[in-house]
Amino acid sequence: MCRSLAFILNVVLARLLGAEGSSVFYLAFTIVLTSAVLGRVGMENSMVKFIAINIAFDQPSEVLGV
């Protein structure tokens, strides 16, 4: 289902934007996705660490802040 929707989106974008416009869109999309992946590096481990510390010191309001 998801792949068919992605294909339909590709076709619609190609028809609306043309070859040059759709290539610019996909380049920007790739840059955004790559930046998001690089920004998350180590974030999960840090969140687990800070949540565990705040739970150990019985600070539930700080857990919500994480």
N, C-alpha and C. Protein backbone atom coordinates (compact mmCIF):
# COMPACT_ATOMS: atom_id res chain seq x y z
N MET A 1 0.83 -1.19 0.00
CA MET A 1 0.00 0.00 0.00
C MET A 1 0.87 1.25 0.00
N CYS A 2 1.87 1.28 0.86
CA CYS A 2 2.72 2.46 0.99
C CYS A 2 3.54 2.68 -0.28
N ARG A 3 4.02 1.59 -0.88
CA ARG A 3 4.81 1.72 -2.10
C ARG A 3 3.97 2.23 -3.25
N SER A 4 2.72 1.81 -3.31
CA SER A 4 1.86 2.28 -4.39
C SER A 4 1.54 3.76 -4.21
N LEU A 5 1.36 4.21 -2.96
CA LEU A 5 1.14 5.63 -2.73
C LEU A 5 2.38 6.45 -3.05
N ALA A 6 3.56 5.91 -2.75
CA ALA A 6 4.80 6.60 -3.09
C ALA A 6 4.96 6.69 -4.60
N PHE A 7 4.60 5.65 -5.31
CA PHE A 7 4.67 5.69 -6.77
C PHE A 7 3.72 6.73 -7.34
N ILE A 8 2.51 6.77 -6.80
CA ILE A 8 1.53 7.76 -7.27
C ILE A 8 2.03 9.18 -6.99
N LEU A 9 2.64 9.39 -5.83
CA LEU A 9 3.21 10.70 -5.52
C LEU A 9 4.32 11.05 -6.50
N ASN A 10 5.16 10.08 -6.84
CA ASN A 10 6.22 10.32 -7.82
C ASN A 10 5.65 10.73 -9.17
N VAL A 11 4.62 10.05 -9.61
CA VAL A 11 4.02 10.35 -10.90
C VAL A 11 3.39 11.74 -10.88
N VAL A 12 2.67 12.07 -9.82
CA VAL A 12 2.02 13.38 -9.72
C VAL A 12 3.07 14.50 -9.69
N LEU A 13 4.12 14.31 -8.90
CA LEU A 13 5.17 15.34 -8.86
C LEU A 13 5.86 15.50 -10.20
N ALA A 14 6.13 14.40 -10.88
CA ALA A 14 6.77 14.47 -12.18
C ALA A 14 5.89 15.19 -13.19
N ARG A 15 4.60 14.97 -13.12
CA ARG A 15 3.69 15.63 -14.07
C ARG A 15 3.52 17.11 -13.75
N LEU A 16 3.45 17.43 -12.46
CA LEU A 16 3.25 18.83 -12.07
C LEU A 16 4.52 19.68 -12.21
N LEU A 17 5.66 19.13 -11.80
CA LEU A 17 6.89 19.91 -11.75
C LEU A 17 7.79 19.73 -12.96
N GLY A 18 7.61 18.66 -13.68
CA GLY A 18 8.50 18.38 -14.80
C GLY A 18 9.77 17.71 -14.30
N ALA A 19 10.66 17.42 -15.23
CA ALA A 19 11.89 16.70 -14.89
C ALA A 19 12.80 17.53 -14.00
N GLU A 20 12.99 18.79 -14.34
CA GLU A 20 13.90 19.63 -13.56
C GLU A 20 13.35 19.93 -12.17
N GLY A 21 12.08 20.27 -12.07
CA GLY A 21 11.48 20.58 -10.79
C GLY A 21 11.42 19.39 -9.85
N SER A 22 11.09 18.23 -10.40
CA SER A 22 11.02 17.05 -9.54
C SER A 22 12.41 16.63 -9.07
N SER A 23 13.42 16.83 -9.92
CA SER A 23 14.78 16.48 -9.47
C SER A 23 15.24 17.40 -8.36
N VAL A 24 14.89 18.67 -8.43
CA VAL A 24 15.22 19.61 -7.35
C VAL A 24 14.49 19.21 -6.07
N PHE A 25 13.23 18.83 -6.20
CA PHE A 25 12.46 18.39 -5.03
C PHE A 25 13.10 17.17 -4.38
N TYR A 26 13.46 16.17 -5.19
CA TYR A 26 14.04 14.95 -4.62
C TYR A 26 15.43 15.19 -4.05
N LEU A 27 16.20 16.10 -4.62
CA LEU A 27 17.50 16.44 -4.05
C LEU A 27 17.32 17.10 -2.69
N ALA A 28 16.39 18.04 -2.59
CA ALA A 28 16.12 18.70 -1.31
C ALA A 28 15.59 17.71 -0.29
N PHE A 29 14.74 16.81 -0.72
CA PHE A 29 14.18 15.79 0.17
C PHE A 29 15.28 14.87 0.70
N THR A 30 16.21 14.49 -0.15
CA THR A 30 17.33 13.65 0.26
C THR A 30 18.22 14.37 1.27
N ILE A 31 18.46 15.65 1.04
CA ILE A 31 19.28 16.43 1.98
C ILE A 31 18.60 16.54 3.33
N VAL A 32 17.31 16.76 3.35
CA VAL A 32 16.57 16.86 4.61
C VAL A 32 16.58 15.52 5.35
N LEU A 33 16.36 14.43 4.64
CA LEU A 33 16.36 13.11 5.30
C LEU A 33 17.75 12.77 5.84
N THR A 34 18.79 13.07 5.09
CA THR A 34 20.15 12.80 5.56
C THR A 34 20.47 13.64 6.79
N SER A 35 20.06 14.89 6.78
CA SER A 35 20.29 15.76 7.94
C SER A 35 19.55 15.25 9.17
N ALA A 36 18.35 14.75 8.97
CA ALA A 36 17.57 14.22 10.09
C ALA A 36 18.23 12.99 10.68
N VAL A 37 18.76 12.13 9.83
CA VAL A 37 19.44 10.92 10.33
C VAL A 37 20.70 11.31 11.08
N LEU A 38 21.48 12.23 10.54
CA LEU A 38 22.71 12.65 11.21
C LEU A 38 22.41 13.39 12.51
N GLY A 39 21.31 14.11 12.57
CA GLY A 39 20.94 14.81 13.79
C GLY A 39 20.51 13.89 14.91
N ARG A 40 20.05 12.70 14.55
CA ARG A 40 19.58 11.75 15.57
C ARG A 40 20.67 10.85 16.11
N VAL A 41 21.87 10.92 15.54
CA VAL A 41 22.95 10.04 15.95
C VAL A 41 23.25 10.26 17.44
N GLY A 42 23.09 9.23 18.22
CA GLY A 42 23.36 9.30 19.65
C GLY A 42 22.23 9.87 20.49
N MET A 43 21.19 10.39 19.85
CA MET A 43 20.10 11.02 20.59
C MET A 43 19.33 10.01 21.44
N GLU A 44 19.10 8.80 20.91
CA GLU A 44 18.35 7.80 21.67
C GLU A 44 19.10 7.40 22.93
N ASN A 45 20.41 7.19 22.81
CA ASN A 45 21.20 6.80 23.98
C ASN A 45 21.22 7.91 25.02
N SER A 46 21.33 9.14 24.57
CA SER A 46 21.33 10.27 25.51
C SER A 46 20.00 10.39 26.23
N MET A 47 18.90 10.19 25.51
CA MET A 47 17.59 10.28 26.15
C MET A 47 17.42 9.20 27.20
N VAL A 48 17.85 7.98 26.90
CA VAL A 48 17.75 6.89 27.88
C VAL A 48 18.57 7.23 29.11
N LYS A 49 19.75 7.77 28.91
CA LYS A 49 20.62 8.13 30.03
C LYS A 49 19.98 9.18 30.93
N PHE A 50 19.50 10.29 30.32
CA PHE A 50 18.93 11.37 31.12
C PHE A 50 17.62 10.98 31.78
N ILE A 51 16.82 10.18 31.11
CA ILE A 51 15.57 9.71 31.72
C ILE A 51 15.87 8.81 32.91
N ALA A 52 16.84 7.91 32.77
CA ALA A 52 17.19 7.02 33.88
C ALA A 52 17.73 7.79 35.07
N ILE A 53 18.55 8.82 34.82
CA ILE A 53 19.09 9.63 35.91
C ILE A 53 17.97 10.35 36.64
N ASN A 54 17.04 10.94 35.90
CA ASN A 54 15.95 11.68 36.54
C ASN A 54 14.99 10.76 37.28
N ILE A 55 14.78 9.56 36.79
CA ILE A 55 13.93 8.61 37.51
C ILE A 55 14.63 8.16 38.78
N ALA A 56 15.95 7.95 38.71
CA ALA A 56 16.70 7.50 39.89
C ALA A 56 16.67 8.54 41.00
N PHE A 57 16.68 9.82 40.63
CA PHE A 57 16.64 10.88 41.63
C PHE A 57 15.21 11.35 41.93
N ASP A 58 14.21 10.60 41.43
CA ASP A 58 12.80 10.86 41.70
C ASP A 58 12.41 12.28 41.30
N GLN A 59 12.69 12.62 40.04
CA GLN A 59 12.35 13.92 39.46
C GLN A 59 11.47 13.73 38.22
N PRO A 60 10.20 13.42 38.41
CA PRO A 60 9.35 13.14 37.25
C PRO A 60 9.12 14.35 36.35
N SER A 61 9.18 15.55 36.91
CA SER A 61 8.99 16.72 36.05
C SER A 61 10.15 16.89 35.08
N GLU A 62 11.34 16.49 35.50
CA GLU A 62 12.51 16.57 34.61
C GLU A 62 12.43 15.51 33.51
N VAL A 63 11.79 14.39 33.80
CA VAL A 63 11.64 13.35 32.78
C VAL A 63 10.78 13.88 31.64
N LEU A 64 9.76 14.63 31.97
CA LEU A 64 8.91 15.21 30.92
C LEU A 64 9.67 16.24 30.10
N GLY A 65 10.65 16.88 30.72
CA GLY A 65 11.45 17.87 30.00
C GLY A 65 12.41 17.26 29.01
N VAL A 66 12.77 16.02 29.24
CA VAL A 66 13.69 15.34 28.32
C VAL A 66 12.96 15.08 27.04
